Amino acid sequence: MSTALVIIAAVTLFALYLGVRARHGHDMNLEQWTVGGRSFGTTFVFLLMAGEIYTTFTFLGGSGFAYGKGAPVYYILAYATLAYVLSYWLLPPVWRFAKTHRLVSQPHFFARKYDSRGLGVLVAVVDVAALIPYLVLQLKGLGIIVATTSYGAISSSAASWIGAAVVTIYVSASGVRGSAWNSVMKDLLILAVVLFLGIYLPIHYYGGLGEMFHAIDTARPGFLTFPDKGSSVTWFQSTVLLTALGFFMWPHTFGSVFTAKNEQIFRRNAMVLPIYQLILLFVFFVGFAATLKVPGLKGSDIDLSLFRLTLQTFDPWLVGVVGAAGVLTALVPGSMILTTASTLLANDIYRGALARDASDASVAKLARRLVPVVALVAVLFTLHGGETIVALLLMGYNFVTQLFPALVCSLASHKRVTKQGAFCGIAVGVLVVTVTTLMHLSVGQLLPFLPDSLKEANIGFVALAMNVIVLAIVSAVTQPHLHPEQSSARTH
């Protein structure tokens, strides 16, 4: 057994221990299992939200996108920064409403805001449809990381099964508390690894960052600028805006808001998280460093760039440390997704649509029983999927972003959007995303009459525009009719 594999196995077992240990001293009822009893302070909430940045996407998608696409990779840095700025105003009212009504999930929020169980069920279905590819992304990344850093001793398929088993055990035992405890270890390790790789590799191979970018520009002219077609400036701007709007619409990120013990936590985090986001630059530097030192990677293999360069540069023990950090970037977000998906199925689909009188105790028991089922489905998709890491993430984003218009309208003081309008808007938006994804349509193909500069926009905006139009029209048609005296009272 190689040194690298020993280190990876040790960190994985310690993560399992921490995840199970996190339940100690707590009765794992529905509220404790899903939102930690709403008792998390600034640090835990910070780490749960930062977990959305530092996933397998960090190690694989970020470095792979830099390796394969060049300048367009900076959209990853821009969109989360914009989302965190938005969170300063968006999250406090969400938290206040959730605390007042003891909510435990995102669909629960929509159902209560619009007084519509049907809307809650729809949101839950959309959430699960988006979360499965996101969980697949984590397991897919885990398989790549372990297979590569173990020098082939563990296959990617076996690694995916093992990772799914680990998160299943500690999610079933501790829920979101297990994710929070492991997020501390994950962020400490990944910060050390990313900073080291991002600084050392450009110096080792090129003599410094400036020299590295000069060498790339000389060898591949235009690689460090936006292309005219494909990942153009228009694509960059539209993708940054679309993904920023969808950032907190992910149900596991939205649910992490409910774990906070007060709303000031979000304002403090909104000031620090954009700075923390800058660490991603060092991941990009590794991808750029690999462009000339590990040439020839194509298709989904671009996601291997960071680890291929690591393997040819360092001793096995250090490869093991890098691999262990990569494993944690899969386990922690994966556990949050697994907790959320199981809660959605039990609380918002089962209780929301089939057994409305089910108790919290029975829902909590069902949610824990669904954890291995969801994990199994994700593993099966992982073993039969060929999309790259970035493609999977962008597809999920287009689904959850359809929830944003209805969420913002629900926070307004004057309720001009009806439950019918919110329901139809989301349904149409998701339908458009599904059709355009299955048919691989672009904005240019769908709307050929647009100026060339707009044809490169992210296709998700077509779905979002249709969502808003339908939401407005249906809400106007379904506004409740007021008696004359009610109308007069409203105007004064």
Protein backbone atom coordinates (compact mmCIF):
# COMPACT_ATOMS: atom_id res chain seq x y z
CA MET A 1 0.00 0.00 0.00
CA SER A 2 1.45 3.37 -1.04
CA THR A 3 2.08 6.23 1.37
CA ALA A 4 -0.45 8.35 -0.55
CA LEU A 5 -3.20 5.78 -0.09
CA VAL A 6 -2.46 5.45 3.65
CA ILE A 7 -2.83 9.21 4.13
CA ILE A 8 -6.05 9.37 2.10
CA ALA A 9 -7.53 6.42 4.02
CA ALA A 10 -6.55 7.92 7.40
CA VAL A 11 -8.17 11.28 6.63
CA THR A 12 -11.30 9.57 5.31
CA LEU A 13 -11.65 7.46 8.46
CA PHE A 14 -11.11 10.53 10.65
CA ALA A 15 -13.83 12.35 8.70
CA LEU A 16 -16.14 9.41 9.38
CA TYR A 17 -15.30 9.55 13.09
CA LEU A 18 -15.90 13.33 13.29
CA GLY A 19 -19.16 13.02 11.38
CA VAL A 20 -20.57 10.37 13.71
CA ARG A 21 -19.14 12.04 16.85
CA ALA A 22 -20.95 15.29 15.99
CA ARG A 23 -24.27 13.89 17.21
CA HIS A 24 -22.97 13.44 20.77
CA GLY A 25 -25.13 15.24 23.31
CA HIS A 26 -27.94 16.03 20.87
CA ASP A 27 -31.30 14.41 20.33
CA MET A 28 -31.41 13.98 16.56
CA ASN A 29 -34.99 15.13 16.02
CA LEU A 30 -36.00 16.68 12.69
CA GLU A 31 -34.88 20.20 13.61
CA GLN A 32 -31.52 19.08 15.01
CA TRP A 33 -30.82 16.72 12.11
CA THR A 34 -31.67 19.23 9.36
CA VAL A 35 -30.72 22.67 10.74
CA GLY A 36 -28.62 21.94 13.83
CA GLY A 37 -31.26 23.26 16.22
CA ARG A 38 -30.69 26.77 14.76
CA SER A 39 -27.74 27.13 17.11
CA PHE A 40 -24.71 27.61 14.83
CA GLY A 41 -22.55 30.69 15.32
CA THR A 42 -20.56 32.76 12.84
CA THR A 43 -17.77 30.19 12.31
CA PHE A 44 -19.95 27.18 11.52
CA VAL A 45 -22.31 29.17 9.26
CA PHE A 46 -19.27 30.69 7.54
CA LEU A 47 -17.80 27.25 6.88
CA LEU A 48 -21.08 25.76 5.68
CA MET A 49 -21.49 28.63 3.21
CA ALA A 50 -17.82 28.53 2.22
CA GLY A 51 -18.35 24.85 1.54
CA GLU A 52 -20.21 25.97 -1.56
CA ILE A 53 -16.93 27.42 -2.88
CA TYR A 54 -14.47 24.70 -1.91
CA THR A 55 -15.93 21.51 -3.36
CA THR A 56 -14.51 19.00 -5.86
CA PHE A 57 -15.31 21.79 -8.31
CA THR A 58 -12.43 23.73 -6.74
CA PHE A 59 -9.80 21.07 -7.33
CA LEU A 60 -11.12 19.66 -10.59
CA GLY A 61 -13.54 22.03 -12.32
CA GLY A 62 -11.69 25.24 -11.45
CA SER A 63 -8.23 24.05 -12.42
CA GLY A 64 -9.63 22.07 -15.37
CA PHE A 65 -11.53 25.07 -16.72
CA ALA A 66 -8.38 27.22 -16.46
CA TYR A 67 -6.44 24.50 -18.26
CA GLY A 68 -9.00 24.01 -21.04
CA LYS A 69 -10.61 27.44 -21.49
CA GLY A 70 -8.20 30.08 -20.17
CA ALA A 71 -9.58 33.52 -19.28
CA PRO A 72 -13.29 32.48 -19.01
CA VAL A 73 -12.40 30.60 -15.80
CA TYR A 74 -12.61 33.87 -13.88
CA TYR A 75 -16.41 33.65 -13.97
CA ILE A 76 -16.03 31.24 -11.03
CA LEU A 77 -14.34 33.95 -8.99
CA ALA A 78 -16.85 36.63 -9.96
CA TYR A 79 -20.20 34.94 -9.45
CA ALA A 80 -19.79 33.83 -5.83
CA THR A 81 -18.37 37.23 -4.89
CA LEU A 82 -21.47 38.89 -6.34
CA ALA A 83 -23.70 36.36 -4.58
CA TYR A 84 -22.09 37.08 -1.19
CA VAL A 85 -22.64 40.80 -1.65
CA LEU A 86 -26.29 40.08 -2.45
CA SER A 87 -26.57 37.92 0.67
CA TYR A 88 -26.10 40.97 2.92
CA TRP A 89 -29.68 42.02 2.10
CA LEU A 90 -31.23 38.73 0.99
CA LEU A 91 -30.50 36.33 3.84
CA PRO A 92 -31.57 38.22 7.01
CA PRO A 93 -35.29 38.40 6.06
CA VAL A 94 -35.19 34.76 4.95
CA TRP A 95 -33.73 33.77 8.33
CA ARG A 96 -36.27 35.83 10.30
CA PHE A 97 -39.22 34.22 8.54
CA ALA A 98 -37.74 30.73 8.87
CA LYS A 99 -37.10 31.15 12.60
CA THR A 100 -40.57 32.54 13.26
CA HIS A 101 -42.26 29.62 11.48
CA ARG A 102 -39.74 26.91 12.52
CA LEU A 103 -38.94 26.00 8.91
CA VAL A 104 -36.46 23.24 8.06
CA SER A 105 -36.19 23.34 4.26
CA GLN A 106 -36.39 25.60 1.23
CA PRO A 107 -39.74 24.21 -0.08
CA HIS A 108 -41.10 24.68 3.45
CA PHE A 109 -40.25 28.38 3.07
CA PHE A 110 -42.06 28.75 -0.28
CA ALA A 111 -45.09 26.76 0.89
CA ARG A 112 -45.50 28.94 3.97
CA LYS A 113 -44.78 32.26 2.19
CA TYR A 114 -47.36 31.63 -0.53
CA ASP A 115 -49.70 29.48 1.62
CA SER A 116 -49.52 26.70 -0.96
CA ARG A 117 -48.56 23.08 -0.32
CA GLY A 118 -48.58 22.48 -4.07
CA LEU A 119 -45.91 25.15 -4.59
CA GLY A 120 -43.82 23.56 -1.84
CA VAL A 121 -44.02 20.17 -3.55
CA LEU A 122 -43.04 21.70 -6.90
CA VAL A 123 -40.02 23.44 -5.36
CA ALA A 124 -39.01 20.16 -3.68
CA VAL A 125 -39.17 18.30 -7.00
CA VAL A 126 -37.06 21.00 -8.70
CA ASP A 127 -34.58 20.90 -5.80
CA VAL A 128 -34.15 17.13 -5.95
CA ALA A 129 -33.74 17.26 -9.73
CA ALA A 130 -30.94 19.81 -9.28
CA LEU A 131 -29.30 18.14 -6.27
CA ILE A 132 -28.84 14.72 -7.84
CA PRO A 133 -26.43 16.03 -10.53
CA TYR A 134 -24.67 18.10 -7.87
CA LEU A 135 -24.18 15.01 -5.69
CA VAL A 136 -23.04 13.12 -8.79
CA LEU A 137 -20.51 15.90 -9.32
CA GLN A 138 -19.06 15.34 -5.84
CA LEU A 139 -18.87 11.55 -6.20
CA LYS A 140 -17.49 11.82 -9.71
CA GLY A 141 -14.81 14.19 -8.45
CA LEU A 142 -14.08 11.91 -5.50
CA GLY A 143 -13.51 8.97 -7.83
CA ILE A 144 -11.14 10.97 -10.03
CA ILE A 145 -9.16 12.27 -7.04
CA VAL A 146 -8.72 8.94 -5.26
CA ALA A 147 -7.96 6.94 -8.41
CA THR A 148 -5.33 9.47 -9.47
CA THR A 149 -3.62 10.15 -6.13
CA SER A 150 -3.60 6.47 -5.11
CA TYR A 151 -1.62 5.75 -8.30
CA GLY A 152 -4.42 3.51 -9.53
CA ALA A 153 -4.57 1.31 -6.40
CA ILE A 154 -8.23 2.28 -5.92
CA SER A 155 -10.44 2.59 -9.01
CA SER A 156 -12.66 5.62 -9.45
CA SER A 157 -15.74 3.39 -9.21
CA ALA A 158 -14.60 1.84 -5.92
CA ALA A 159 -13.73 5.29 -4.55
CA SER A 160 -17.22 6.56 -5.40
CA TRP A 161 -18.80 3.61 -3.57
CA ILE A 162 -16.57 4.10 -0.52
CA GLY A 163 -17.21 7.86 -0.40
CA ALA A 164 -20.96 7.32 -0.69
CA ALA A 165 -20.82 4.80 2.16
CA VAL A 166 -18.87 7.18 4.43
CA VAL A 167 -21.25 10.11 3.96
CA THR A 168 -24.27 7.83 4.25
CA ILE A 169 -23.12 6.61 7.67
CA TYR A 170 -22.39 9.98 9.21
CA VAL A 171 -25.32 11.80 7.59
CA SER A 172 -27.68 9.13 8.93
CA ALA A 173 -26.17 9.59 12.38
CA SER A 174 -25.61 13.34 12.66
CA GLY A 175 -27.19 15.19 9.73
CA VAL A 176 -25.97 18.76 9.26
CA ARG A 177 -23.87 18.66 12.44
CA GLY A 178 -21.59 16.08 10.85
CA SER A 179 -21.13 18.36 7.85
CA ALA A 180 -20.30 21.32 10.11
CA TRP A 181 -17.67 19.46 12.12
CA ASN A 182 -15.95 18.09 9.01
CA SER A 183 -16.05 21.48 7.30
CA VAL A 184 -13.54 22.77 9.87
CA MET A 185 -10.98 20.11 8.97
CA LYS A 186 -11.71 20.45 5.26
CA ASP A 187 -11.17 24.20 5.08
CA LEU A 188 -7.97 24.15 7.11
CA LEU A 189 -6.47 21.43 4.92
CA ILE A 190 -7.65 22.81 1.60
CA LEU A 191 -6.39 26.31 2.39
CA ALA A 192 -2.92 24.97 3.11
CA VAL A 193 -2.86 22.76 0.00
CA VAL A 194 -4.29 25.32 -2.43
CA LEU A 195 -2.01 28.13 -1.29
CA PHE A 196 1.03 25.88 -1.46
CA LEU A 197 0.28 24.50 -4.94
CA GLY A 198 -0.75 27.86 -6.37
CA ILE A 199 2.47 29.53 -5.21
CA TYR A 200 4.99 26.69 -5.58
CA LEU A 201 4.12 25.24 -8.99
CA PRO A 202 4.33 28.49 -11.02
CA ILE A 203 7.67 29.29 -9.33
CA HIS A 204 9.01 25.72 -9.74
CA TYR A 205 8.17 25.42 -13.44
CA TYR A 206 8.31 29.01 -14.68
CA GLY A 207 10.12 31.14 -12.12
CA GLY A 208 7.02 33.07 -11.02
CA LEU A 209 3.49 34.08 -11.94
CA GLY A 210 4.49 36.79 -14.40
CA GLU A 211 6.87 34.46 -16.19
CA MET A 212 4.21 31.74 -16.31
CA PHE A 213 1.60 33.94 -17.97
CA HIS A 214 4.20 35.31 -20.40
CA ALA A 215 5.18 31.75 -21.40
CA ILE A 216 1.53 30.76 -21.90
CA ASP A 217 0.78 33.85 -23.97
CA THR A 218 3.82 33.16 -26.14
CA ALA A 219 3.00 29.49 -26.67
CA ARG A 220 -0.77 29.95 -27.01
CA PRO A 221 -1.60 33.47 -28.23
CA GLY A 222 -5.12 34.54 -27.26
CA PHE A 223 -5.57 31.82 -24.62
CA LEU A 224 -5.53 34.38 -21.81
CA THR A 225 -8.22 36.56 -23.42
CA PHE A 226 -11.91 35.95 -24.06
CA PRO A 227 -12.68 34.30 -27.41
CA ASP A 228 -15.15 35.87 -29.85
CA LYS A 229 -17.29 32.71 -29.89
CA GLY A 230 -18.28 30.25 -27.20
CA SER A 231 -16.98 31.46 -23.84
CA SER A 232 -17.08 35.10 -24.92
CA VAL A 233 -17.44 38.27 -22.86
CA THR A 234 -21.22 38.05 -23.29
CA TRP A 235 -21.20 34.46 -22.06
CA PHE A 236 -19.02 35.51 -19.11
CA GLN A 237 -21.25 38.39 -18.05
CA SER A 238 -24.51 36.48 -18.41
CA THR A 239 -23.14 33.38 -16.66
CA VAL A 240 -21.80 35.42 -13.73
CA LEU A 241 -25.17 37.11 -13.25
CA LEU A 242 -27.20 33.92 -13.69
CA THR A 243 -25.11 31.85 -11.30
CA ALA A 244 -24.95 34.68 -8.73
CA LEU A 245 -28.76 34.77 -8.66
CA GLY A 246 -28.87 31.00 -8.28
CA PHE A 247 -26.10 30.70 -5.68
CA PHE A 248 -28.31 30.73 -2.58
CA MET A 249 -31.13 28.96 -4.39
CA TRP A 250 -29.34 25.65 -3.95
CA PRO A 251 -31.49 23.98 -1.28
CA HIS A 252 -28.52 22.86 0.86
CA THR A 253 -27.05 26.39 0.83
CA PHE A 254 -30.48 27.91 1.47
CA GLY A 255 -30.97 25.42 4.31
CA SER A 256 -27.64 26.39 5.89
CA VAL A 257 -29.19 29.83 6.48
CA PHE A 258 -31.64 28.22 8.90
CA THR A 259 -28.81 26.92 11.12
CA ALA A 260 -27.72 30.40 12.28
CA LYS A 261 -28.60 31.63 15.77
CA ASN A 262 -28.99 35.29 14.71
CA GLU A 263 -29.20 37.37 11.53
CA GLN A 264 -26.08 39.45 12.16
CA ILE A 265 -24.05 36.38 11.24
CA PHE A 266 -24.99 36.84 7.57
CA ARG A 267 -23.90 40.46 7.48
CA ARG A 268 -20.53 39.62 9.02
CA ASN A 269 -20.02 36.73 6.62
CA ALA A 270 -21.03 38.87 3.62
CA MET A 271 -18.06 41.13 4.36
CA VAL A 272 -15.52 38.31 4.77
CA LEU A 273 -16.56 35.64 2.27
CA PRO A 274 -15.71 37.67 -0.89
CA ILE A 275 -12.13 37.98 0.43
CA TYR A 276 -12.04 34.25 1.24
CA GLN A 277 -13.15 33.64 -2.34
CA LEU A 278 -9.81 35.02 -3.60
CA ILE A 279 -8.15 31.74 -2.59
CA LEU A 280 -9.66 30.31 -5.78
CA LEU A 281 -7.06 32.28 -7.75
CA PHE A 282 -4.41 29.84 -6.56
CA VAL A 283 -6.44 26.93 -7.96
CA PHE A 284 -6.55 28.71 -11.31
CA PHE A 285 -2.78 29.25 -11.17
CA VAL A 286 -2.30 25.48 -10.93
CA GLY A 287 -4.52 24.92 -13.97
CA PHE A 288 -2.63 27.55 -15.94
CA ALA A 289 0.70 26.03 -14.87
CA ALA A 290 -0.43 22.66 -16.22
CA THR A 291 -1.32 23.97 -19.69
CA LEU A 292 2.29 23.76 -20.90
CA LYS A 293 3.60 21.10 -18.50
CA VAL A 294 0.82 18.51 -18.91
CA PRO A 295 -0.26 19.11 -22.52
CA GLY A 296 -2.81 17.15 -24.51
CA LEU A 297 -5.69 16.67 -22.05
CA LYS A 298 -9.02 16.76 -23.87
CA GLY A 299 -12.74 16.52 -23.01
CA SER A 300 -13.46 15.48 -19.43
CA ASP A 301 -9.75 14.70 -18.91
CA ILE A 302 -9.07 18.42 -18.44
CA ASP A 303 -10.43 17.92 -14.91
CA LEU A 304 -7.29 15.87 -14.19
CA SER A 305 -4.85 18.73 -14.83
CA LEU A 306 -4.17 19.63 -11.19
CA PHE A 307 -3.51 16.05 -10.12
CA ARG A 308 -1.49 15.11 -13.21
CA LEU A 309 0.84 18.03 -12.46
CA THR A 310 0.95 17.10 -8.77
CA LEU A 311 1.89 13.51 -9.57
CA GLN A 312 4.79 14.46 -11.78
CA THR A 313 6.10 17.04 -9.31
CA PHE A 314 5.88 15.68 -5.75
CA ASP A 315 6.69 12.63 -3.63
CA PRO A 316 3.86 10.17 -2.81
CA TRP A 317 3.35 11.47 0.75
CA LEU A 318 2.60 14.98 -0.50
CA VAL A 319 0.40 13.59 -3.27
CA GLY A 320 -1.50 11.83 -0.48
CA VAL A 321 -2.02 15.10 1.40
CA VAL A 322 -3.34 16.77 -1.76
CA GLY A 323 -5.58 13.77 -2.40
CA ALA A 324 -6.89 13.83 1.17
CA ALA A 325 -7.81 17.50 0.82
CA GLY A 326 -9.59 16.64 -2.42
CA VAL A 327 -11.52 13.83 -0.71
CA LEU A 328 -12.80 16.26 1.92
CA THR A 329 -13.98 18.66 -0.79
CA ALA A 330 -16.28 15.85 -1.90
CA LEU A 331 -17.37 14.46 1.46
CA VAL A 332 -18.43 17.71 3.16
CA PRO A 333 -20.58 19.23 0.38
CA GLY A 334 -21.77 15.73 -0.49
CA SER A 335 -23.02 15.20 3.06
CA MET A 336 -24.87 18.53 3.01
CA ILE A 337 -26.51 17.63 -0.29
CA LEU A 338 -27.44 14.17 0.99
CA THR A 339 -29.00 15.60 4.16
CA THR A 340 -30.98 18.14 2.16
CA ALA A 341 -32.18 15.75 -0.54
CA SER A 342 -33.42 13.23 2.03
CA THR A 343 -35.20 15.99 3.97
CA LEU A 344 -36.86 17.25 0.80
CA LEU A 345 -38.16 13.80 -0.07
CA ALA A 346 -39.44 13.09 3.44
CA ASN A 347 -40.65 16.49 4.64
CA ASP A 348 -41.72 18.26 1.46
CA ILE A 349 -42.76 15.53 -0.97
CA TYR A 350 -43.93 12.72 1.34
CA ARG A 351 -45.52 14.92 4.02
CA GLY A 352 -46.35 17.76 1.64
CA ALA A 353 -48.20 15.66 -0.93
CA LEU A 354 -48.96 12.20 0.50
CA ALA A 355 -49.16 12.26 4.30
CA ARG A 356 -50.00 15.75 5.48
CA ASP A 357 -50.60 14.64 9.07
CA ALA A 358 -47.22 12.91 9.46
CA SER A 359 -45.40 13.87 12.67
CA ASP A 360 -41.93 15.39 12.83
CA ALA A 361 -40.65 12.15 14.40
CA SER A 362 -41.91 9.99 11.54
CA VAL A 363 -40.57 12.43 8.94
CA ALA A 364 -37.14 12.46 10.62
CA LYS A 365 -37.09 8.66 10.66
CA LEU A 366 -38.05 8.49 6.98
CA ALA A 367 -35.44 11.09 6.03
CA ARG A 368 -32.67 9.03 7.63
CA ARG A 369 -33.92 5.89 5.89
CA LEU A 370 -33.85 7.70 2.54
CA VAL A 371 -30.18 8.69 2.90
CA PRO A 372 -28.78 5.38 1.54
CA VAL A 373 -31.40 5.36 -1.23
CA VAL A 374 -30.41 8.82 -2.48
CA ALA A 375 -26.72 7.91 -2.19
CA LEU A 376 -27.28 4.75 -4.24
CA VAL A 377 -29.08 6.63 -7.01
CA ALA A 378 -26.25 9.18 -7.13
CA VAL A 379 -23.59 6.46 -7.37
CA LEU A 380 -25.43 4.78 -10.25
CA PHE A 381 -25.59 8.09 -12.13
CA THR A 382 -21.92 8.70 -11.31
CA LEU A 383 -20.87 5.43 -12.90
CA HIS A 384 -22.81 6.13 -16.10
CA GLY A 385 -22.21 9.85 -16.69
CA GLY A 386 -19.77 11.43 -19.11
CA GLU A 387 -20.27 15.16 -18.63
CA THR A 388 -17.45 17.31 -17.32
CA ILE A 389 -17.56 18.77 -13.84
CA VAL A 390 -18.41 22.28 -15.05
CA ALA A 391 -21.19 21.06 -17.36
CA LEU A 392 -22.89 19.25 -14.47
CA LEU A 393 -22.70 22.30 -12.23
CA LEU A 394 -24.07 24.72 -14.82
CA MET A 395 -27.01 22.42 -15.59
CA GLY A 396 -27.99 22.31 -11.92
CA TYR A 397 -27.63 26.08 -11.61
CA ASN A 398 -30.11 26.66 -14.43
CA PHE A 399 -32.69 24.62 -12.52
CA VAL A 400 -32.39 26.26 -9.10
CA THR A 401 -32.14 29.79 -10.51
CA GLN A 402 -35.77 29.46 -11.57
CA LEU A 403 -36.70 29.83 -7.88
CA PHE A 404 -35.13 33.27 -7.56
CA PRO A 405 -37.96 35.47 -8.94
CA ALA A 406 -40.57 33.88 -6.68
CA LEU A 407 -38.26 34.17 -3.66
CA VAL A 408 -37.56 37.88 -4.18
CA CYS A 409 -41.25 38.61 -4.74
CA SER A 410 -42.14 36.76 -1.53
CA LEU A 411 -39.98 39.19 0.46
CA ALA A 412 -41.75 42.28 -0.85
CA SER A 413 -44.02 44.16 1.55
CA HIS A 414 -46.87 44.20 -1.00
CA LYS A 415 -47.79 40.71 -2.19
CA ARG A 416 -48.41 41.27 -5.89
CA VAL A 417 -47.33 37.76 -6.91
CA THR A 418 -49.87 35.03 -6.29
CA LYS A 419 -49.21 31.39 -5.52
CA GLN A 420 -50.54 30.51 -8.97
CA GLY A 421 -48.13 32.97 -10.59
CA ALA A 422 -45.15 31.65 -8.63
CA PHE A 423 -46.09 28.03 -9.44
CA CYS A 424 -46.55 28.61 -13.17
CA GLY A 425 -43.42 30.77 -13.47
CA ILE A 426 -41.21 28.11 -11.88
CA ALA A 427 -42.85 25.31 -13.88
CA VAL A 428 -42.35 27.08 -17.21
CA GLY A 429 -38.78 28.06 -16.37
CA VAL A 430 -37.85 24.49 -15.45
CA LEU A 431 -39.56 23.17 -18.59
CA VAL A 432 -37.54 25.55 -20.78
CA VAL A 433 -34.32 24.52 -19.02
CA THR A 434 -35.15 20.85 -19.57
CA VAL A 435 -35.93 21.28 -23.28
CA THR A 436 -32.89 23.45 -24.03
CA THR A 437 -30.60 21.09 -22.09
CA LEU A 438 -31.86 17.91 -23.77
CA MET A 439 -31.70 19.51 -27.22
CA HIS A 440 -28.35 21.24 -26.54
CA LEU A 441 -29.75 24.57 -27.74
CA SER A 442 -27.95 27.90 -27.55
CA VAL A 443 -29.45 31.38 -27.47
CA GLY A 444 -28.27 31.90 -31.04
CA GLN A 445 -30.10 28.77 -32.23
CA LEU A 446 -33.24 29.54 -30.28
CA LEU A 447 -33.39 33.25 -31.14
CA PRO A 448 -31.49 33.69 -34.43
CA PHE A 449 -32.83 37.24 -34.93
CA LEU A 450 -30.84 38.61 -31.96
CA PRO A 451 -27.67 40.69 -32.50
CA ASP A 452 -24.52 38.58 -32.65
CA SER A 453 -23.31 40.02 -29.34
CA LEU A 454 -26.34 38.55 -27.53
CA LYS A 455 -26.30 35.14 -29.17
CA GLU A 456 -23.49 34.04 -26.83
CA ALA A 457 -25.54 34.73 -23.68
CA ASN A 458 -26.14 31.88 -21.25
CA ILE A 459 -29.17 29.86 -22.35
CA GLY A 460 -30.43 29.89 -18.75
CA PHE A 461 -31.56 33.49 -19.21
CA VAL A 462 -34.16 32.41 -21.76
CA ALA A 463 -35.73 30.17 -19.12
CA LEU A 464 -35.49 32.91 -16.48
CA ALA A 465 -37.11 35.47 -18.81
CA MET A 466 -40.00 33.09 -19.60
CA ASN A 467 -40.34 32.43 -15.87
CA VAL A 468 -40.71 36.15 -15.04
CA ILE A 469 -43.14 36.80 -17.91
CA VAL A 470 -45.41 33.91 -16.94
CA LEU A 471 -45.17 34.81 -13.24
CA ALA A 472 -46.30 38.39 -13.97
CA ILE A 473 -49.15 37.44 -16.34
CA VAL A 474 -50.59 34.65 -14.18
CA SER A 475 -50.32 36.78 -11.02
CA ALA A 476 -52.18 39.63 -12.74
CA VAL A 477 -54.96 37.27 -13.84
CA THR A 478 -55.28 35.51 -10.47
CA GLN A 479 -55.18 38.54 -8.17
CA PRO A 480 -57.95 38.22 -5.59
CA HIS A 481 -60.87 40.57 -6.26
CA LEU A 482 -61.37 43.13 -3.50
CA HIS A 483 -64.66 44.58 -2.37
CA PRO A 484 -64.90 48.37 -2.83
CA GLU A 485 -64.42 49.05 0.89
CA GLN A 486 -61.28 46.80 0.97
CA SER A 487 -59.85 48.55 -2.04
CA SER A 488 -60.50 51.96 -0.45
CA ALA A 489 -58.87 50.87 2.79
CA ARG A 490 -55.76 49.65 0.94
CA THR A 491 -55.25 53.02 -0.77
CA HIS A 492 -55.31 55.01 2.50
